[in-house]
C-alpha atoms as a PDB file:
ATOM      1  CA  UNK A   1     106.877 116.417 131.076  1.00  0.00           C
ATOM      2  CA  UNK A   2     103.753 115.053 129.413  1.00  0.00           C
ATOM      3  CA  UNK A   3     103.184 112.542 132.210  1.00  0.00           C
ATOM      4  CA  UNK A   4     103.434 115.238 134.876  1.00  0.00           C
ATOM      5  CA  UNK A   5     100.974 117.435 132.992  1.00  0.00           C
ATOM      6  CA  UNK A   6      98.461 114.624 132.632  1.00  0.00           C
ATOM      7  CA  UNK A   7      98.793 113.750 136.329  1.00  0.00           C
ATOM      8  CA  UNK A   8      97.946 117.343 137.194  1.00  0.00           C
ATOM      9  CA  UNK A   9      94.883 117.267 134.917  1.00  0.00           C
ATOM     10  CA  UNK A  10      93.772 114.078 136.664  1.00  0.00           C
ATOM     11  CA  UNK A  11      94.304 115.568 140.126  1.00  0.00           C
ATOM     12  CA  UNK A  12      92.267 118.651 139.181  1.00  0.00           C
ATOM     13  CA  UNK A  13      89.398 116.368 138.037  1.00  0.00           C
ATOM     14  CA  UNK A  14      89.638 117.737 134.506  1.00  0.00           C
ATOM     15  CA  UNK A  15      89.961 114.260 132.976  1.00  0.00           C
ATOM     16  CA  UNK A  16      89.255 110.675 133.967  1.00  0.00           C
ATOM     17  CA  UNK A  17      92.030 108.141 134.478  1.00  0.00           C
ATOM     18  CA  UNK A  18      91.123 106.510 131.169  1.00  0.00           C
ATOM     19  CA  UNK A  19      91.276 109.813 129.291  1.00  0.00           C
ATOM     20  CA  UNK A  20      94.556 110.807 130.913  1.00  0.00           C
ATOM     21  CA  UNK A  21      96.170 107.455 130.156  1.00  0.00           C
ATOM     22  CA  UNK A  22      95.040 107.714 126.544  1.00  0.00           C
ATOM     23  CA  UNK A  23      96.395 111.257 126.311  1.00  0.00           C
ATOM     24  CA  UNK A  24      99.732 110.160 127.766  1.00  0.00           C
ATOM     25  CA  UNK A  25      99.793 107.144 125.459  1.00  0.00           C
ATOM     26  CA  UNK A  26     100.182 104.602 128.249  1.00  0.00           C
ATOM     27  CA  UNK A  27      97.968 101.889 129.795  1.00  0.00           C
ATOM     28  CA  UNK A  28      95.652 103.030 132.605  1.00  0.00           C
ATOM     29  CA  UNK A  29      97.239 100.694 135.172  1.00  0.00           C
ATOM     30  CA  UNK A  30     100.706 102.058 134.370  1.00  0.00           C
ATOM     31  CA  UNK A  31      99.437 105.635 134.678  1.00  0.00           C
ATOM     32  CA  UNK A  32      97.894 104.989 138.093  1.00  0.00           C
ATOM     33  CA  UNK A  33     101.074 103.283 139.326  1.00  0.00           C
ATOM     34  CA  UNK A  34     103.307 106.113 138.113  1.00  0.00           C
ATOM     35  CA  UNK A  35     100.934 108.705 139.550  1.00  0.00           C
ATOM     36  CA  UNK A  36     101.206 107.155 143.017  1.00  0.00           C
ATOM     37  CA  UNK A  37     105.003 106.987 142.826  1.00  0.00           C
ATOM     38  CA  UNK A  38     105.388 110.549 141.574  1.00  0.00           C
ATOM     39  CA  UNK A  39     102.846 111.963 144.016  1.00  0.00           C
ATOM     40  CA  UNK A  40     104.759 110.394 146.900  1.00  0.00           C
ATOM     41  CA  UNK A  41     107.950 112.194 145.848  1.00  0.00           C
ATOM     42  CA  UNK A  42     106.207 115.595 145.617  1.00  0.00           C
ATOM     43  CA  UNK A  43     105.081 115.611 149.256  1.00  0.00           C
END
């Protein structure tokens, strides 16, 4: 759930990718990869 919440904050331009990755406790590259994969499943 935390990853989905941070993705939403990123999409709403509330936080940068670096800040979101730090908040989620994962590397930035991993966050961006997961964001793309999850976003593709939501559409």
